[in-house]
């Protein structure tokens, strides 16, 4: 695997929450438009909320999937937040797969 992006929060950066949500939305929109896309996006901790029904960036994640970007969500995190029946982008996986993906990737970028 060449490039993996890890999103471990529903907001981007620390500070004002509204700004963080806007930045995350902008990031994902620009990622859709990027010529070079990652092979995979890994969502864990509160980042899994982005793939759930009602997320303001759900359409962006679904668009990335349509471009062939794999999206995986941490199962422990999905269960912790009570989202098991609400994930609508990507698929739910486990920590062994996340470890394998991250250790085999040539480049990992954490947002």
PDB file of N, CA and C in Angstrom:
ATOM      1  N   UNK A   1       0.847  -1.176   0.000  1.00  0.00           N
ATOM      2  CA  UNK A   1       0.000   0.000   0.000  1.00  0.00           C
ATOM      3  C   UNK A   1       0.891   1.238   0.000  1.00  0.00           C
ATOM      4  N   UNK A   2       0.595   2.144  -0.899  1.00  0.00           N
ATOM      5  CA  UNK A   2       1.405   3.346  -1.018  1.00  0.00           C
ATOM      6  C   UNK A   2       1.112   4.376   0.078  1.00  0.00           C
ATOM      7  N   UNK A   3      -0.082   4.953   0.017  1.00  0.00           N
ATOM      8  CA  UNK A   3      -0.408   6.078   0.884  1.00  0.00           C
ATOM      9  C   UNK A   3      -1.684   5.809   1.679  1.00  0.00           C
ATOM     10  N   UNK A   4      -1.614   6.062   2.995  1.00  0.00           N
ATOM     11  CA  UNK A   4      -2.762   5.892   3.887  1.00  0.00           C
ATOM     12  C   UNK A   4      -2.945   7.184   4.677  1.00  0.00           C
ATOM     13  N   UNK A   5      -4.173   7.630   4.790  1.00  0.00           N
ATOM     14  CA  UNK A   5      -4.488   8.775   5.634  1.00  0.00           C
ATOM     15  C   UNK A   5      -5.259   8.279   6.842  1.00  0.00           C
ATOM     16  N   UNK A   6      -4.818   8.682   8.029  1.00  0.00           N
ATOM     17  CA  UNK A   6      -5.465   8.331   9.285  1.00  0.00           C
ATOM     18  C   UNK A   6      -6.202   9.557   9.799  1.00  0.00           C
ATOM     19  N   UNK A   7      -7.472   9.375  10.110  1.00  0.00           N
ATOM     20  CA  UNK A   7      -8.267  10.452  10.714  1.00  0.00           C
ATOM     21  C   UNK A   7      -8.748   9.928  12.059  1.00  0.00           C
ATOM     22  N   UNK A   8      -8.242  10.525  13.125  1.00  0.00           N
ATOM     23  CA  UNK A   8      -8.541  10.028  14.474  1.00  0.00           C
ATOM     24  C   UNK A   8      -9.414  10.969  15.281  1.00  0.00           C
ATOM     25  N   UNK A   9     -10.075  11.893  14.593  1.00  0.00           N
ATOM     26  CA  UNK A   9     -10.926  12.862  15.274  1.00  0.00           C
ATOM     27  C   UNK A   9     -11.975  13.344  14.281  1.00  0.00           C
ATOM     28  N   UNK A  10     -13.127  13.726  14.766  1.00  0.00           N
ATOM     29  CA  UNK A  10     -14.150  14.244  13.857  1.00  0.00           C
ATOM     30  C   UNK A  10     -13.877  15.692  13.460  1.00  0.00           C
ATOM     31  N   UNK A  11     -12.970  16.336  14.150  1.00  0.00           N
ATOM     32  CA  UNK A  11     -12.573  17.708  13.846  1.00  0.00           C
ATOM     33  C   UNK A  11     -11.106  17.703  13.415  1.00  0.00           C
ATOM     34  N   UNK A  12     -10.680  18.719  12.712  1.00  0.00           N
ATOM     35  CA  UNK A  12      -9.293  18.825  12.287  1.00  0.00           C
ATOM     36  C   UNK A  12      -8.586  19.858  13.156  1.00  0.00           C
ATOM     37  N   UNK A  13      -7.568  19.416  13.849  1.00  0.00           N
ATOM     38  CA  UNK A  13      -6.787  20.302  14.703  1.00  0.00           C
ATOM     39  C   UNK A  13      -7.422  20.501  16.067  1.00  0.00           C
ATOM     40  N   UNK A  14      -6.754  21.300  16.862  1.00  0.00           N
ATOM     41  CA  UNK A  14      -7.234  21.622  18.208  1.00  0.00           C
ATOM     42  C   UNK A  14      -7.657  23.085  18.225  1.00  0.00           C
ATOM     43  N   UNK A  15      -8.616  23.386  19.065  1.00  0.00           N
ATOM     44  CA  UNK A  15      -9.090  24.759  19.150  1.00  0.00           C
ATOM     45  C   UNK A  15     -10.592  24.818  18.957  1.00  0.00           C
ATOM     46  N   UNK A  16     -11.041  25.853  18.312  1.00  0.00           N
ATOM     47  CA  UNK A  16     -12.467  26.082  18.096  1.00  0.00           C
ATOM     48  C   UNK A  16     -13.102  24.925  17.332  1.00  0.00           C
ATOM     49  N   UNK A  17     -14.146  24.329  17.903  1.00  0.00           N
ATOM     50  CA  UNK A  17     -14.775  23.150  17.316  1.00  0.00           C
ATOM     51  C   UNK A  17     -15.420  23.424  15.962  1.00  0.00           C
ATOM     52  N   UNK A  18     -16.087  24.568  15.812  1.00  0.00           N
ATOM     53  CA  UNK A  18     -16.713  24.890  14.525  1.00  0.00           C
ATOM     54  C   UNK A  18     -15.659  25.021  13.432  1.00  0.00           C
ATOM     55  N   UNK A  19     -14.547  25.620  13.767  1.00  0.00           N
ATOM     56  CA  UNK A  19     -13.457  25.752  12.804  1.00  0.00           C
ATOM     57  C   UNK A  19     -12.897  24.371  12.464  1.00  0.00           C
ATOM     58  N   UNK A  20     -12.712  23.533  13.457  1.00  0.00           N
ATOM     59  CA  UNK A  20     -12.197  22.183  13.230  1.00  0.00           C
ATOM     60  C   UNK A  20     -13.096  21.365  12.324  1.00  0.00           C
ATOM     61  N   UNK A  21     -14.409  21.506  12.502  1.00  0.00           N
ATOM     62  CA  UNK A  21     -15.366  20.798  11.647  1.00  0.00           C
ATOM     63  C   UNK A  21     -15.291  21.332  10.217  1.00  0.00           C
ATOM     64  N   UNK A  22     -15.180  22.636  10.073  1.00  0.00           N
ATOM     65  CA  UNK A  22     -15.081  23.244   8.747  1.00  0.00           C
ATOM     66  C   UNK A  22     -13.799  22.814   8.051  1.00  0.00           C
ATOM     67  N   UNK A  23     -12.701  22.787   8.801  1.00  0.00           N
ATOM     68  CA  UNK A  23     -11.426  22.364   8.216  1.00  0.00           C
ATOM     69  C   UNK A  23     -11.480  20.912   7.749  1.00  0.00           C
ATOM     70  N   UNK A  24     -12.108  20.048   8.536  1.00  0.00           N
ATOM     71  CA  UNK A  24     -12.216  18.646   8.135  1.00  0.00           C
ATOM     72  C   UNK A  24     -13.029  18.526   6.854  1.00  0.00           C
ATOM     73  N   UNK A  25     -14.131  19.249   6.779  1.00  0.00           N
ATOM     74  CA  UNK A  25     -14.940  19.235   5.564  1.00  0.00           C
ATOM     75  C   UNK A  25     -14.159  19.721   4.360  1.00  0.00           C
ATOM     76  N   UNK A  26     -13.420  20.814   4.535  1.00  0.00           N
ATOM     77  CA  UNK A  26     -12.613  21.352   3.443  1.00  0.00           C
ATOM     78  C   UNK A  26     -11.521  20.371   3.024  1.00  0.00           C
ATOM     79  N   UNK A  27     -10.885  19.739   4.012  1.00  0.00           N
ATOM     80  CA  UNK A  27      -9.833  18.774   3.713  1.00  0.00           C
ATOM     81  C   UNK A  27     -10.376  17.639   2.848  1.00  0.00           C
ATOM     82  N   UNK A  28     -11.494  17.061   3.257  1.00  0.00           N
ATOM     83  CA  UNK A  28     -12.042  15.931   2.513  1.00  0.00           C
ATOM     84  C   UNK A  28     -12.513  16.341   1.120  1.00  0.00           C
ATOM     85  N   UNK A  29     -13.076  17.534   0.997  1.00  0.00           N
ATOM     86  CA  UNK A  29     -13.486  18.039  -0.316  1.00  0.00           C
ATOM     87  C   UNK A  29     -12.286  18.195  -1.234  1.00  0.00           C
ATOM     88  N   UNK A  30     -11.216  18.742  -0.721  1.00  0.00           N
ATOM     89  CA  UNK A  30     -10.005  18.934  -1.527  1.00  0.00           C
ATOM     90  C   UNK A  30      -9.339  17.597  -1.839  1.00  0.00           C
ATOM     91  N   UNK A  31      -9.467  16.632  -0.941  1.00  0.00           N
ATOM     92  CA  UNK A  31      -8.913  15.301  -1.190  1.00  0.00           C
ATOM     93  C   UNK A  31      -9.633  14.641  -2.372  1.00  0.00           C
ATOM     94  N   UNK A  32     -10.925  14.865  -2.480  1.00  0.00           N
ATOM     95  CA  UNK A  32     -11.690  14.348  -3.628  1.00  0.00           C
ATOM     96  C   UNK A  32     -11.126  14.925  -4.918  1.00  0.00           C
ATOM     97  N   UNK A  33     -10.779  16.209  -4.898  1.00  0.00           N
ATOM     98  CA  UNK A  33     -10.286  16.898  -6.088  1.00  0.00           C
ATOM     99  C   UNK A  33      -8.808  16.630  -6.372  1.00  0.00           C
ATOM    100  N   UNK A  34      -8.088  16.063  -5.406  1.00  0.00           N
ATOM    101  CA  UNK A  34      -6.644  15.856  -5.569  1.00  0.00           C
ATOM    102  C   UNK A  34      -6.359  14.846  -6.679  1.00  0.00           C
ATOM    103  N   UNK A  35      -5.333  15.123  -7.439  1.00  0.00           N
ATOM    104  CA  UNK A  35      -4.942  14.206  -8.514  1.00  0.00           C
ATOM    105  C   UNK A  35      -4.461  12.874  -7.941  1.00  0.00           C
ATOM    106  N   UNK A  36      -3.652  12.932  -6.900  1.00  0.00           N
ATOM    107  CA  UNK A  36      -3.143  11.724  -6.247  1.00  0.00           C
ATOM    108  C   UNK A  36      -3.915  11.494  -4.956  1.00  0.00           C
ATOM    109  N   UNK A  37      -4.707  10.464  -4.958  1.00  0.00           N
ATOM    110  CA  UNK A  37      -5.508  10.143  -3.775  1.00  0.00           C
ATOM    111  C   UNK A  37      -4.830   9.015  -3.001  1.00  0.00           C
ATOM    112  N   UNK A  38      -5.108   8.923  -1.710  1.00  0.00           N
ATOM    113  CA  UNK A  38      -4.563   7.798  -0.942  1.00  0.00           C
ATOM    114  C   UNK A  38      -5.261   6.501  -1.353  1.00  0.00           C
ATOM    115  N   UNK A  39      -4.632   5.386  -1.056  1.00  0.00           N
ATOM    116  CA  UNK A  39      -5.283   4.109  -1.319  1.00  0.00           C
ATOM    117  C   UNK A  39      -6.326   3.812  -0.246  1.00  0.00           C
ATOM    118  N   UNK A  40      -6.098   4.372   0.964  1.00  0.00           N
ATOM    119  CA  UNK A  40      -6.994   4.052   2.070  1.00  0.00           C
ATOM    120  C   UNK A  40      -7.076   5.217   3.046  1.00  0.00           C
ATOM    121  N   UNK A  41      -8.253   5.345   3.656  1.00  0.00           N
ATOM    122  CA  UNK A  41      -8.460   6.254   4.782  1.00  0.00           C
ATOM    123  C   UNK A  41      -8.855   5.372   5.964  1.00  0.00           C
ATOM    124  N   UNK A  42      -8.140   5.520   7.070  1.00  0.00           N
ATOM    125  CA  UNK A  42      -8.411   4.769   8.291  1.00  0.00           C
ATOM    126  C   UNK A  42      -9.060   5.719   9.285  1.00  0.00           C
ATOM    127  N   UNK A  43     -10.235   5.361   9.777  1.00  0.00           N
ATOM    128  CA  UNK A  43     -10.938   6.174  10.765  1.00  0.00           C
ATOM    129  C   UNK A  43     -10.935   5.446  12.095  1.00  0.00           C
ATOM    130  N   UNK A  44     -10.469   6.127  13.130  1.00  0.00           N
ATOM    131  CA  UNK A  44     -10.572   5.558  14.474  1.00  0.00           C
ATOM    132  C   UNK A  44     -10.834   6.659  15.477  1.00  0.00           C
ATOM    133  N   UNK A  45     -11.085   6.255  16.720  1.00  0.00           N
ATOM    134  CA  UNK A  45     -11.549   7.142  17.777  1.00  0.00           C
ATOM    135  C   UNK A  45     -12.766   7.899  17.239  1.00  0.00           C
ATOM    136  N   UNK A  46     -12.913   9.188  17.557  1.00  0.00           N
ATOM    137  CA  UNK A  46     -14.126   9.884  17.118  1.00  0.00           C
ATOM    138  C   UNK A  46     -14.144  10.136  15.614  1.00  0.00           C
ATOM    139  N   UNK A  47     -13.064   9.817  14.922  1.00  0.00           N
ATOM    140  CA  UNK A  47     -13.053   9.918  13.464  1.00  0.00           C
ATOM    141  C   UNK A  47     -14.092   9.022  12.807  1.00  0.00           C
ATOM    142  N   UNK A  48     -14.486   7.929  13.483  1.00  0.00           N
ATOM    143  CA  UNK A  48     -15.497   7.033  12.903  1.00  0.00           C
ATOM    144  C   UNK A  48     -16.848   7.726  12.753  1.00  0.00           C
ATOM    145  N   UNK A  49     -17.084   8.769  13.535  1.00  0.00           N
ATOM    146  CA  UNK A  49     -18.354   9.500  13.426  1.00  0.00           C
ATOM    147  C   UNK A  49     -18.533  10.118  12.044  1.00  0.00           C
ATOM    148  N   UNK A  50     -17.424  10.367  11.355  1.00  0.00           N
ATOM    149  CA  UNK A  50     -17.485  10.971  10.027  1.00  0.00           C
ATOM    150  C   UNK A  50     -18.158  10.057   9.014  1.00  0.00           C
ATOM    151  N   UNK A  51     -18.099   8.752   9.230  1.00  0.00           N
ATOM    152  CA  UNK A  51     -18.659   7.774   8.290  1.00  0.00           C
ATOM    153  C   UNK A  51     -20.085   7.368   8.645  1.00  0.00           C
ATOM    154  N   UNK A  52     -20.648   7.982   9.662  1.00  0.00           N
ATOM    155  CA  UNK A  52     -21.968   7.582  10.147  1.00  0.00           C
ATOM    156  C   UNK A  52     -23.077   8.459   9.563  1.00  0.00           C
ATOM    157  N   UNK A  53     -24.263   7.876   9.516  1.00  0.00           N
ATOM    158  CA  UNK A  53     -25.456   8.604   9.079  1.00  0.00           C
ATOM    159  C   UNK A  53     -25.546   9.917   9.849  1.00  0.00           C
ATOM    160  N   UNK A  54     -25.812  10.991   9.137  1.00  0.00           N
ATOM    161  CA  UNK A  54     -25.943  12.304   9.753  1.00  0.00           C
ATOM    162  C   UNK A  54     -24.674  13.130   9.745  1.00  0.00           C
ATOM    163  N   UNK A  55     -23.558  12.525   9.383  1.00  0.00           N
ATOM    164  CA  UNK A  55     -22.290  13.254   9.325  1.00  0.00           C
ATOM    165  C   UNK A  55     -22.334  14.286   8.203  1.00  0.00           C
ATOM    166  N   UNK A  56     -21.798  15.457   8.476  1.00  0.00           N
ATOM    167  CA  UNK A  56     -21.772  16.515   7.470  1.00  0.00           C
ATOM    168  C   UNK A  56     -20.790  16.213   6.340  1.00  0.00           C
ATOM    169  N   UNK A  57     -19.891  15.258   6.539  1.00  0.00           N
ATOM    170  CA  UNK A  57     -18.904  14.933   5.509  1.00  0.00           C
ATOM    171  C   UNK A  57     -19.122  13.533   4.911  1.00  0.00           C
ATOM    172  N   UNK A  58     -20.248  12.919   5.225  1.00  0.00           N
ATOM    173  CA  UNK A  58     -20.531  11.569   4.740  1.00  0.00           C
ATOM    174  C   UNK A  58     -20.458  11.497   3.217  1.00  0.00           C
ATOM    175  N   UNK A  59     -21.041  12.459   2.526  1.00  0.00           N
ATOM    176  CA  UNK A  59     -21.011  12.453   1.062  1.00  0.00           C
ATOM    177  C   UNK A  59     -19.588  12.520   0.528  1.00  0.00           C
ATOM    178  N   UNK A  60     -18.724  13.262   1.204  1.00  0.00           N
ATOM    179  CA  UNK A  60     -17.324  13.338   0.775  1.00  0.00           C
ATOM    180  C   UNK A  60     -16.643  11.981   0.899  1.00  0.00           C
ATOM    181  N   UNK A  61     -16.880  11.283   1.995  1.00  0.00           N
ATOM    182  CA  UNK A  61     -16.294   9.960   2.164  1.00  0.00           C
ATOM    183  C   UNK A  61     -16.848   8.988   1.123  1.00  0.00           C
ATOM    184  N   UNK A  62     -18.127   9.080   0.838  1.00  0.00           N
ATOM    185  CA  UNK A  62     -18.727   8.212  -0.180  1.00  0.00           C
ATOM    186  C   UNK A  62     -18.155   8.529  -1.565  1.00  0.00           C
ATOM    187  N   UNK A  63     -17.897   9.797  -1.832  1.00  0.00           N
ATOM    188  CA  UNK A  63     -17.271  10.180  -3.103  1.00  0.00           C
ATOM    189  C   UNK A  63     -15.862   9.611  -3.209  1.00  0.00           C
ATOM    190  N   UNK A  64     -15.112   9.661  -2.120  1.00  0.00           N
ATOM    191  CA  UNK A  64     -13.775   9.068  -2.132  1.00  0.00           C
ATOM    192  C   UNK A  64     -13.854   7.571  -2.437  1.00  0.00           C
ATOM    193  N   UNK A  65     -14.830   6.901  -1.845  1.00  0.00           N
ATOM    194  CA  UNK A  65     -15.027   5.479  -2.150  1.00  0.00           C
ATOM    195  C   UNK A  65     -15.301   5.272  -3.635  1.00  0.00           C
ATOM    196  N   UNK A  66     -16.096   6.150  -4.227  1.00  0.00           N
ATOM    197  CA  UNK A  66     -16.402   6.039  -5.651  1.00  0.00           C
ATOM    198  C   UNK A  66     -15.168   6.212  -6.515  1.00  0.00           C
ATOM    199  N   UNK A  67     -14.150   6.902  -5.992  1.00  0.00           N
ATOM    200  CA  UNK A  67     -12.877   7.058  -6.692  1.00  0.00           C
ATOM    201  C   UNK A  67     -11.919   5.905  -6.397  1.00  0.00           C
ATOM    202  N   UNK A  68     -12.381   4.927  -5.631  1.00  0.00           N
ATOM    203  CA  UNK A  68     -11.548   3.765  -5.349  1.00  0.00           C
ATOM    204  C   UNK A  68     -10.761   3.812  -4.061  1.00  0.00           C
ATOM    205  N   UNK A  69     -10.974   4.838  -3.254  1.00  0.00           N
ATOM    206  CA  UNK A  69     -10.290   4.932  -1.964  1.00  0.00           C
ATOM    207  C   UNK A  69     -11.021   4.018  -0.978  1.00  0.00           C
ATOM    208  N   UNK A  70     -10.275   3.104  -0.361  1.00  0.00           N
ATOM    209  CA  UNK A  70     -10.869   2.234   0.652  1.00  0.00           C
ATOM    210  C   UNK A  70     -10.991   3.006   1.965  1.00  0.00           C
ATOM    211  N   UNK A  71     -12.091   2.833   2.642  1.00  0.00           N
ATOM    212  CA  UNK A  71     -12.292   3.482   3.940  1.00  0.00           C
ATOM    213  C   UNK A  71     -12.584   2.391   4.952  1.00  0.00           C
ATOM    214  N   UNK A  72     -11.787   2.380   6.032  1.00  0.00           N
ATOM    215  CA  UNK A  72     -12.029   1.399   7.085  1.00  0.00           C
ATOM    216  C   UNK A  72     -12.233   2.125   8.415  1.00  0.00           C
ATOM    217  N   UNK A  73     -13.147   1.566   9.201  1.00  0.00           N
ATOM    218  CA  UNK A  73     -13.508   2.148  10.498  1.00  0.00           C
ATOM    219  C   UNK A  73     -13.179   1.155  11.605  1.00  0.00           C
ATOM    220  N   UNK A  74     -12.567   1.631  12.657  1.00  0.00           N
ATOM    221  CA  UNK A  74     -12.240   0.806  13.818  1.00  0.00           C
ATOM    222  C   UNK A  74     -13.518   0.286  14.468  1.00  0.00           C
ATOM    223  N   UNK A  75     -13.645  -1.041  14.548  1.00  0.00           N
ATOM    224  CA  UNK A  75     -14.839  -1.651  15.122  1.00  0.00           C
ATOM    225  C   UNK A  75     -15.034  -1.336  16.593  1.00  0.00           C
ATOM    226  N   UNK A  76     -13.957  -1.329  17.362  1.00  0.00           N
ATOM    227  CA  UNK A  76     -14.056  -0.992  18.782  1.00  0.00           C
ATOM    228  C   UNK A  76     -14.601   0.418  18.950  1.00  0.00           C
ATOM    229  N   UNK A  77     -14.132   1.333  18.111  1.00  0.00           N
ATOM    230  CA  UNK A  77     -14.573   2.729  18.174  1.00  0.00           C
ATOM    231  C   UNK A  77     -16.031   2.871  17.740  1.00  0.00           C
ATOM    232  N   UNK A  78     -16.396   2.175  16.669  1.00  0.00           N
ATOM    233  CA  UNK A  78     -17.781   2.198  16.186  1.00  0.00           C
ATOM    234  C   UNK A  78     -18.720   1.729  17.296  1.00  0.00           C
ATOM    235  N   UNK A  79     -18.354   0.649  17.959  1.00  0.00           N
ATOM    236  CA  UNK A  79     -19.188   0.125  19.049  1.00  0.00           C
ATOM    237  C   UNK A  79     -19.213   1.073  20.239  1.00  0.00           C
ATOM    238  N   UNK A  80     -18.076   1.662  20.568  1.00  0.00           N
ATOM    239  CA  UNK A  80     -17.988   2.586  21.706  1.00  0.00           C
ATOM    240  C   UNK A  80     -18.958   3.755  21.531  1.00  0.00           C
ATOM    241  N   UNK A  81     -19.027   4.279  20.301  1.00  0.00           N
ATOM    242  CA  UNK A  81     -19.900   5.425  20.029  1.00  0.00           C
ATOM    243  C   UNK A  81     -21.325   5.005  19.650  1.00  0.00           C
ATOM    244  N   UNK A  82     -21.627   3.715  19.681  1.00  0.00           N
ATOM    245  CA  UNK A  82     -22.972   3.245  19.369  1.00  0.00           C
ATOM    246  C   UNK A  82     -23.373   3.451  17.923  1.00  0.00           C
ATOM    247  N   UNK A  83     -22.433   3.261  17.014  1.00  0.00           N
ATOM    248  CA  UNK A  83     -22.681   3.547  15.602  1.00  0.00           C
ATOM    249  C   UNK A  83     -22.762   2.301  14.723  1.00  0.00           C
ATOM    250  N   UNK A  84     -22.863   1.134  15.336  1.00  0.00           N
ATOM    251  CA  UNK A  84     -22.795  -0.119  14.569  1.00  0.00           C
ATOM    252  C   UNK A  84     -23.790  -0.171  13.415  1.00  0.00           C
ATOM    253  N   UNK A  85     -24.965   0.370  13.586  1.00  0.00           N
ATOM    254  CA  UNK A  85     -25.973   0.325  12.525  1.00  0.00           C
ATOM    255  C   UNK A  85     -26.063   1.631  11.738  1.00  0.00           C
ATOM    256  N   UNK A  86     -25.089   2.533  11.946  1.00  0.00           N
ATOM    257  CA  UNK A  86     -25.157   3.845  11.301  1.00  0.00           C
ATOM    258  C   UNK A  86     -24.017   4.118  10.316  1.00  0.00           C
ATOM    259  N   UNK A  87     -23.034   3.230  10.228  1.00  0.00           N
ATOM    260  CA  UNK A  87     -21.900   3.453   9.325  1.00  0.00           C
ATOM    261  C   UNK A  87     -22.379   3.322   7.887  1.00  0.00           C
ATOM    262  N   UNK A  88     -22.142   4.383   7.100  1.00  0.00           N
ATOM    263  CA  UNK A  88     -22.627   4.404   5.721  1.00  0.00           C
ATOM    264  C   UNK A  88     -21.529   4.685   4.701  1.00  0.00           C
ATOM    265  N   UNK A  89     -20.303   4.732   5.162  1.00  0.00           N
ATOM    266  CA  UNK A  89     -19.159   4.853   4.251  1.00  0.00           C
ATOM    267  C   UNK A  89     -18.089   3.894   4.745  1.00  0.00           C
ATOM    268  N   UNK A  90     -17.510   3.182   3.829  1.00  0.00           N
ATOM    269  CA  UNK A  90     -16.461   2.247   4.196  1.00  0.00           C
ATOM    270  C   UNK A  90     -17.011   1.009   4.872  1.00  0.00           C
ATOM    271  N   UNK A  91     -16.127   0.347   5.602  1.00  0.00           N
ATOM    272  CA  UNK A  91     -16.500  -0.870   6.305  1.00  0.00           C
ATOM    273  C   UNK A  91     -15.846  -0.881   7.674  1.00  0.00           C
ATOM    274  N   UNK A  92     -16.433  -1.645   8.555  1.00  0.00           N
ATOM    275  CA  UNK A  92     -15.932  -1.768   9.920  1.00  0.00           C
ATOM    276  C   UNK A  92     -14.901  -2.892   9.938  1.00  0.00           C
ATOM    277  N   UNK A  93     -13.798  -2.656  10.630  1.00  0.00           N
ATOM    278  CA  UNK A  93     -12.731  -3.644  10.713  1.00  0.00           C
ATOM    279  C   UNK A  93     -12.223  -3.745  12.147  1.00  0.00           C
ATOM    280  N   UNK A  94     -11.092  -4.411  12.309  1.00  0.00           N
ATOM    281  CA  UNK A  94     -10.540  -4.627  13.648  1.00  0.00           C
ATOM    282  C   UNK A  94      -9.114  -4.091  13.731  1.00  0.00           C
ATOM    283  N   UNK A  95      -8.579  -4.073  14.941  1.00  0.00           N
ATOM    284  CA  UNK A  95      -7.248  -3.521  15.151  1.00  0.00           C
ATOM    285  C   UNK A  95      -6.154  -4.319  14.440  1.00  0.00           C
ATOM    286  N   UNK A  96      -6.232  -5.656  14.363  1.00  0.00           N
ATOM    287  CA  UNK A  96      -5.182  -6.348  13.612  1.00  0.00           C
ATOM    288  C   UNK A  96      -5.071  -5.862  12.153  1.00  0.00           C
ATOM    289  N   UNK A  97      -6.206  -5.611  11.503  1.00  0.00           N
ATOM    290  CA  UNK A  97      -6.126  -5.103  10.137  1.00  0.00           C
ATOM    291  C   UNK A  97      -5.569  -3.684  10.106  1.00  0.00           C
ATOM    292  N   UNK A  98      -5.985  -2.846  11.042  1.00  0.00           N
ATOM    293  CA  UNK A  98      -5.467  -1.476  11.080  1.00  0.00           C
ATOM    294  C   UNK A  98      -3.959  -1.490  11.285  1.00  0.00           C
ATOM    295  N   UNK A  99      -3.466  -2.337  12.184  1.00  0.00           N
ATOM    296  CA  UNK A  99      -2.020  -2.452  12.415  1.00  0.00           C
ATOM    297  C   UNK A  99      -1.325  -2.904  11.134  1.00  0.00           C
ATOM    298  N   UNK A 100      -1.881  -3.897  10.467  1.00  0.00           N
ATOM    299  CA  UNK A 100      -1.275  -4.395   9.232  1.00  0.00           C
ATOM    300  C   UNK A 100      -1.216  -3.296   8.175  1.00  0.00           C
ATOM    301  N   UNK A 101      -2.315  -2.587   7.996  1.00  0.00           N
ATOM    302  CA  UNK A 101      -2.373  -1.514   6.993  1.00  0.00           C
ATOM    303  C   UNK A 101      -1.323  -0.446   7.299  1.00  0.00           C
ATOM    304  N   UNK A 102      -1.263  -0.017   8.543  1.00  0.00           N
ATOM    305  CA  UNK A 102      -0.330   1.051   8.895  1.00  0.00           C
ATOM    306  C   UNK A 102       1.129   0.626   8.822  1.00  0.00           C
ATOM    307  N   UNK A 103       1.415  -0.608   9.150  1.00  0.00           N
ATOM    308  CA  UNK A 103       2.808  -1.065   9.121  1.00  0.00           C
ATOM    309  C   UNK A 103       3.275  -1.423   7.712  1.00  0.00           C
ATOM    310  N   UNK A 104       2.343  -1.741   6.825  1.00  0.00           N
ATOM    311  CA  UNK A 104       2.714  -2.071   5.443  1.00  0.00           C
ATOM    312  C   UNK A 104       2.699  -0.870   4.512  1.00  0.00           C
ATOM    313  N   UNK A 105       2.072   0.225   4.931  1.00  0.00           N
ATOM    314  CA  UNK A 105       1.980   1.415   4.073  1.00  0.00           C
ATOM    315  C   UNK A 105       3.344   2.060   3.904  1.00  0.00           C
ATOM    316  N   UNK A 106       3.590   2.563   2.708  1.00  0.00           N
ATOM    317  CA  UNK A 106       4.844   3.277   2.450  1.00  0.00           C
ATOM    318  C   UNK A 106       4.808   4.682   3.056  1.00  0.00           C
ATOM    319  N   UNK A 107       3.618   5.258   3.165  1.00  0.00           N
ATOM    320  CA  UNK A 107       3.464   6.581   3.776  1.00  0.00           C
ATOM    321  C   UNK A 107       2.152   6.651   4.518  1.00  0.00           C
ATOM    322  N   UNK A 108       2.198   7.142   5.762  1.00  0.00           N
ATOM    323  CA  UNK A 108       1.010   7.322   6.582  1.00  0.00           C
ATOM    324  C   UNK A 108       0.954   8.790   7.002  1.00  0.00           C
ATOM    325  N   UNK A 109      -0.178   9.418   6.738  1.00  0.00           N
ATOM    326  CA  UNK A 109      -0.391  10.808   7.123  1.00  0.00           C
ATOM    327  C   UNK A 109      -1.536  10.824   8.123  1.00  0.00           C
ATOM    328  N   UNK A 110      -1.308  11.382   9.305  1.00  0.00           N
ATOM    329  CA  UNK A 110      -2.339  11.467  10.321  1.00  0.00           C
ATOM    330  C   UNK A 110      -2.901  12.878  10.357  1.00  0.00           C
ATOM    331  N   UNK A 111      -4.213  12.957  10.283  1.00  0.00           N
ATOM    332  CA  UNK A 111      -4.901  14.259  10.302  1.00  0.00           C
ATOM    333  C   UNK A 111      -5.487  14.458  11.695  1.00  0.00           C
TER     334      UNK A 111
END
